[in-house]
Amino acid sequence: MPPENLNKLGTPFFMTKDYRTGLGLATCYKIAENHNAKILINSSDSGTNMSILIPI
């Protein structure tokens, strides 16, 4: 994933495809925030990994 897109992830209506709404990750970030969770994203040339940390 290009570095310039990493900072925009979770922003409502940000998308890289023409046929999407751009609300999916924004919704996930809001749900995580409501549960005091964190979404971590690591990206490199070999791929992108996302982790969700939920406190118990």
PDB file of N, CA and C in Angstrom:
ATOM      1  N   MET A   1       0.844  -1.164   0.000  1.00  0.00           N
ATOM      2  CA  MET A   1       0.000   0.000   0.000  1.00  0.00           C
ATOM      3  C   MET A   1       0.896   1.235   0.000  1.00  0.00           C
ATOM      4  N   PRO A   2       0.629   2.175  -0.855  1.00  0.00           N
ATOM      5  CA  PRO A   2       1.464   3.381  -0.897  1.00  0.00           C
ATOM      6  C   PRO A   2       1.402   4.144   0.427  1.00  0.00           C
ATOM      7  N   PRO A   3       2.547   4.650   0.886  1.00  0.00           N
ATOM      8  CA  PRO A   3       2.590   5.374   2.174  1.00  0.00           C
ATOM      9  C   PRO A   3       1.624   6.547   2.253  1.00  0.00           C
ATOM     10  N   GLU A   4       1.370   7.213   1.146  1.00  0.00           N
ATOM     11  CA  GLU A   4       0.465   8.372   1.179  1.00  0.00           C
ATOM     12  C   GLU A   4      -0.974   7.944   1.483  1.00  0.00           C
ATOM     13  N   ASN A   5      -1.317   6.683   1.221  1.00  0.00           N
ATOM     14  CA  ASN A   5      -2.661   6.193   1.527  1.00  0.00           C
ATOM     15  C   ASN A   5      -2.807   5.736   2.972  1.00  0.00           C
ATOM     16  N   LEU A   6      -1.711   5.353   3.619  1.00  0.00           N
ATOM     17  CA  LEU A   6      -1.786   4.856   4.995  1.00  0.00           C
ATOM     18  C   LEU A   6      -2.372   5.883   5.951  1.00  0.00           C
ATOM     19  N   ASN A   7      -1.995   7.134   5.811  1.00  0.00           N
ATOM     20  CA  ASN A   7      -2.492   8.183   6.706  1.00  0.00           C
ATOM     21  C   ASN A   7      -3.956   8.512   6.464  1.00  0.00           C
ATOM     22  N   LYS A   8      -4.470   8.148   5.303  1.00  0.00           N
ATOM     23  CA  LYS A   8      -5.858   8.463   4.959  1.00  0.00           C
ATOM     24  C   LYS A   8      -6.825   7.343   5.324  1.00  0.00           C
ATOM     25  N   LEU A   9      -6.298   6.165   5.693  1.00  0.00           N
ATOM     26  CA  LEU A   9      -7.177   5.044   6.018  1.00  0.00           C
ATOM     27  C   LEU A   9      -8.072   5.397   7.200  1.00  0.00           C
ATOM     28  N   GLY A  10      -9.332   5.067   7.079  1.00  0.00           N
ATOM     29  CA  GLY A  10     -10.293   5.372   8.134  1.00  0.00           C
ATOM     30  C   GLY A  10     -10.981   6.701   7.952  1.00  0.00           C
ATOM     31  N   THR A  11     -10.526   7.495   7.001  1.00  0.00           N
ATOM     32  CA  THR A  11     -11.171   8.767   6.701  1.00  0.00           C
ATOM     33  C   THR A  11     -12.440   8.484   5.895  1.00  0.00           C
ATOM     34  N   PRO A  12     -13.599   8.995   6.341  1.00  0.00           N
ATOM     35  CA  PRO A  12     -14.828   8.744   5.592  1.00  0.00           C
ATOM     36  C   PRO A  12     -14.709   9.178   4.134  1.00  0.00           C
ATOM     37  N   PHE A  13     -15.173   8.321   3.263  1.00  0.00           N
ATOM     38  CA  PHE A  13     -15.239   8.522   1.818  1.00  0.00           C
ATOM     39  C   PHE A  13     -13.879   8.444   1.118  1.00  0.00           C
ATOM     40  N   PHE A  14     -12.803   8.094   1.843  1.00  0.00           N
ATOM     41  CA  PHE A  14     -11.524   7.844   1.179  1.00  0.00           C
ATOM     42  C   PHE A  14     -11.575   6.455   0.579  1.00  0.00           C
ATOM     43  N   MET A  15     -11.245   6.344  -0.693  1.00  0.00           N
ATOM     44  CA  MET A  15     -11.234   5.046  -1.358  1.00  0.00           C
ATOM     45  C   MET A  15     -10.237   5.058  -2.505  1.00  0.00           C
ATOM     46  N   THR A  16      -9.813   3.883  -2.885  1.00  0.00           N
ATOM     47  CA  THR A  16      -8.891   3.759  -4.012  1.00  0.00           C
ATOM     48  C   THR A  16      -9.569   3.130  -5.220  1.00  0.00           C
ATOM     49  N   LYS A  17     -10.826   2.755  -5.074  1.00  0.00           N
ATOM     50  CA  LYS A  17     -11.608   2.167  -6.165  1.00  0.00           C
ATOM     51  C   LYS A  17     -12.720   3.138  -6.554  1.00  0.00           C
ATOM     52  N   ASP A  18     -13.168   3.060  -7.791  1.00  0.00           N
ATOM     53  CA  ASP A  18     -14.211   3.959  -8.266  1.00  0.00           C
ATOM     54  C   ASP A  18     -15.615   3.529  -7.856  1.00  0.00           C
ATOM     55  N   TYR A  19     -15.797   2.282  -7.490  1.00  0.00           N
ATOM     56  CA  TYR A  19     -17.136   1.759  -7.283  1.00  0.00           C
ATOM     57  C   TYR A  19     -17.454   1.446  -5.818  1.00  0.00           C
ATOM     58  N   ARG A  20     -16.799   2.106  -4.886  1.00  0.00           N
ATOM     59  CA  ARG A  20     -17.020   1.877  -3.452  1.00  0.00           C
ATOM     60  C   ARG A  20     -17.515   3.168  -2.798  1.00  0.00           C
ATOM     61  N   THR A  21     -17.936   3.059  -1.522  1.00  0.00           N
ATOM     62  CA  THR A  21     -18.407   4.252  -0.810  1.00  0.00           C
ATOM     63  C   THR A  21     -17.333   4.859   0.077  1.00  0.00           C
ATOM     64  N   GLY A  22     -16.348   4.058   0.494  1.00  0.00           N
ATOM     65  CA  GLY A  22     -15.301   4.576   1.362  1.00  0.00           C
ATOM     66  C   GLY A  22     -15.719   4.707   2.807  1.00  0.00           C
ATOM     67  N   LEU A  23     -16.735   3.962   3.220  1.00  0.00           N
ATOM     68  CA  LEU A  23     -17.216   4.060   4.598  1.00  0.00           C
ATOM     69  C   LEU A  23     -16.856   2.841   5.446  1.00  0.00           C
ATOM     70  N   GLY A  24     -16.382   1.762   4.858  1.00  0.00           N
ATOM     71  CA  GLY A  24     -16.120   0.525   5.587  1.00  0.00           C
ATOM     72  C   GLY A  24     -15.112   0.677   6.711  1.00  0.00           C
ATOM     73  N   LEU A  25     -13.915   1.148   6.408  1.00  0.00           N
ATOM     74  CA  LEU A  25     -12.895   1.303   7.440  1.00  0.00           C
ATOM     75  C   LEU A  25     -13.228   2.423   8.410  1.00  0.00           C
ATOM     76  N   ALA A  26     -13.883   3.467   7.930  1.00  0.00           N
ATOM     77  CA  ALA A  26     -14.296   4.545   8.832  1.00  0.00           C
ATOM     78  C   ALA A  26     -15.254   3.997   9.884  1.00  0.00           C
ATOM     79  N   THR A  27     -16.152   3.121   9.483  1.00  0.00           N
ATOM     80  CA  THR A  27     -17.079   2.488  10.415  1.00  0.00           C
ATOM     81  C   THR A  27     -16.327   1.601  11.394  1.00  0.00           C
ATOM     82  N   CYS A  28     -15.361   0.838  10.894  1.00  0.00           N
ATOM     83  CA  CYS A  28     -14.555  -0.029  11.768  1.00  0.00           C
ATOM     84  C   CYS A  28     -13.787   0.787  12.794  1.00  0.00           C
ATOM     85  N   TYR A  29     -13.199   1.905  12.375  1.00  0.00           N
ATOM     86  CA  TYR A  29     -12.468   2.762  13.311  1.00  0.00           C
ATOM     87  C   TYR A  29     -13.392   3.316  14.388  1.00  0.00           C
ATOM     88  N   LYS A  30     -14.615   3.685  14.020  1.00  0.00           N
ATOM     89  CA  LYS A  30     -15.568   4.223  14.988  1.00  0.00           C
ATOM     90  C   LYS A  30     -15.993   3.155  15.989  1.00  0.00           C
ATOM     91  N   ILE A  31     -16.252   1.941  15.520  1.00  0.00           N
ATOM     92  CA  ILE A  31     -16.609   0.843  16.416  1.00  0.00           C
ATOM     93  C   ILE A  31     -15.457   0.555  17.371  1.00  0.00           C
ATOM     94  N   ALA A  32     -14.239   0.515  16.838  1.00  0.00           N
ATOM     95  CA  ALA A  32     -13.061   0.268  17.683  1.00  0.00           C
ATOM     96  C   ALA A  32     -12.929   1.363  18.737  1.00  0.00           C
ATOM     97  N   GLU A  33     -13.111   2.605  18.337  1.00  0.00           N
ATOM     98  CA  GLU A  33     -13.022   3.727  19.278  1.00  0.00           C
ATOM     99  C   GLU A  33     -14.049   3.606  20.389  1.00  0.00           C
ATOM    100  N   ASN A  34     -15.269   3.198  20.047  1.00  0.00           N
ATOM    101  CA  ASN A  34     -16.332   3.048  21.038  1.00  0.00           C
ATOM    102  C   ASN A  34     -16.038   1.947  22.051  1.00  0.00           C
ATOM    103  N   HIS A  35     -15.162   1.019  21.706  1.00  0.00           N
ATOM    104  CA  HIS A  35     -14.812  -0.084  22.596  1.00  0.00           C
ATOM    105  C   HIS A  35     -13.391   0.042  23.147  1.00  0.00           C
ATOM    106  N   ASN A  36     -12.819   1.232  23.036  1.00  0.00           N
ATOM    107  CA  ASN A  36     -11.449   1.500  23.486  1.00  0.00           C
ATOM    108  C   ASN A  36     -10.436   0.554  22.844  1.00  0.00           C
ATOM    109  N   ALA A  37     -10.708   0.151  21.628  1.00  0.00           N
ATOM    110  CA  ALA A  37      -9.806  -0.733  20.882  1.00  0.00           C
ATOM    111  C   ALA A  37      -8.947   0.109  19.944  1.00  0.00           C
ATOM    112  N   LYS A  38      -7.923  -0.507  19.402  1.00  0.00           N
ATOM    113  CA  LYS A  38      -7.039   0.165  18.451  1.00  0.00           C
ATOM    114  C   LYS A  38      -6.899  -0.698  17.205  1.00  0.00           C
ATOM    115  N   ILE A  39      -6.832  -0.051  16.060  1.00  0.00           N
ATOM    116  CA  ILE A  39      -6.571  -0.733  14.799  1.00  0.00           C
ATOM    117  C   ILE A  39      -5.159  -0.356  14.379  1.00  0.00           C
ATOM    118  N   LEU A  40      -4.312  -1.356  14.226  1.00  0.00           N
ATOM    119  CA  LEU A  40      -2.921  -1.149  13.831  1.00  0.00           C
ATOM    120  C   LEU A  40      -2.726  -1.645  12.409  1.00  0.00           C
ATOM    121  N   ILE A  41      -2.003  -0.864  11.615  1.00  0.00           N
ATOM    122  CA  ILE A  41      -1.763  -1.228  10.224  1.00  0.00           C
ATOM    123  C   ILE A  41      -0.266  -1.187   9.958  1.00  0.00           C
ATOM    124  N   ASN A  42       0.257  -2.285   9.448  1.00  0.00           N
ATOM    125  CA  ASN A  42       1.662  -2.377   9.050  1.00  0.00           C
ATOM    126  C   ASN A  42       1.703  -2.726   7.573  1.00  0.00           C
ATOM    127  N   SER A  43       2.443  -1.945   6.808  1.00  0.00           N
ATOM    128  CA  SER A  43       2.516  -2.172   5.377  1.00  0.00           C
ATOM    129  C   SER A  43       3.971  -2.212   4.927  1.00  0.00           C
ATOM    130  N   SER A  44       4.265  -3.124   4.005  1.00  0.00           N
ATOM    131  CA  SER A  44       5.598  -3.227   3.422  1.00  0.00           C
ATOM    132  C   SER A  44       5.433  -3.667   1.973  1.00  0.00           C
ATOM    133  N   ASP A  45       6.544  -3.889   1.309  1.00  0.00           N
ATOM    134  CA  ASP A  45       6.496  -4.321  -0.089  1.00  0.00           C
ATOM    135  C   ASP A  45       5.840  -5.695  -0.250  1.00  0.00           C
ATOM    136  N   SER A  46       5.871  -6.502   0.818  1.00  0.00           N
ATOM    137  CA  SER A  46       5.318  -7.856   0.722  1.00  0.00           C
ATOM    138  C   SER A  46       3.837  -7.918   1.061  1.00  0.00           C
ATOM    139  N   GLY A  47       3.250  -6.816   1.553  1.00  0.00           N
ATOM    140  CA  GLY A  47       1.818  -6.809   1.847  1.00  0.00           C
ATOM    141  C   GLY A  47       1.466  -5.915   3.015  1.00  0.00           C
ATOM    142  N   THR A  48       0.194  -5.894   3.347  1.00  0.00           N
ATOM    143  CA  THR A  48      -0.326  -5.058   4.431  1.00  0.00           C
ATOM    144  C   THR A  48      -1.054  -5.941   5.437  1.00  0.00           C
ATOM    145  N   ASN A  49      -0.758  -5.740   6.723  1.00  0.00           N
ATOM    146  CA  ASN A  49      -1.407  -6.464   7.812  1.00  0.00           C
ATOM    147  C   ASN A  49      -2.163  -5.489   8.689  1.00  0.00           C
ATOM    148  N   MET A  50      -3.360  -5.906   9.100  1.00  0.00           N
ATOM    149  CA  MET A  50      -4.151  -5.101  10.032  1.00  0.00           C
ATOM    150  C   MET A  50      -4.411  -5.932  11.271  1.00  0.00           C
ATOM    151  N   SER A  51      -4.277  -5.308  12.436  1.00  0.00           N
ATOM    152  CA  SER A  51      -4.566  -5.963  13.707  1.00  0.00           C
ATOM    153  C   SER A  51      -5.513  -5.094  14.500  1.00  0.00           C
ATOM    154  N   ILE A  52      -6.396  -5.749  15.243  1.00  0.00           N
ATOM    155  CA  ILE A  52      -7.319  -5.033  16.120  1.00  0.00           C
ATOM    156  C   ILE A  52      -7.006  -5.452  17.544  1.00  0.00           C
ATOM    157  N   LEU A  53      -6.679  -4.488  18.388  1.00  0.00           N
ATOM    158  CA  LEU A  53      -6.381  -4.748  19.798  1.00  0.00           C
ATOM    159  C   LEU A  53      -7.580  -4.310  20.628  1.00  0.00           C
ATOM    160  N   ILE A  54      -8.217  -5.286  21.286  1.00  0.00           N
ATOM    161  CA  ILE A  54      -9.408  -5.020  22.082  1.00  0.00           C
ATOM    162  C   ILE A  54      -9.080  -5.282  23.545  1.00  0.00           C
ATOM    163  N   PRO A  55      -9.217  -4.277  24.416  1.00  0.00           N
ATOM    164  CA  PRO A  55      -8.928  -4.487  25.826  1.00  0.00           C
ATOM    165  C   PRO A  55      -9.995  -5.373  26.476  1.00  0.00           C
ATOM    166  N   ILE A  56      -9.543  -6.197  27.413  1.00  0.00           N
ATOM    167  CA  ILE A  56     -10.517  -7.042  28.117  1.00  0.00           C
ATOM    168  C   ILE A  56     -10.557  -6.663  29.585  1.00  0.00           C
TER     169      ILE A  56
END
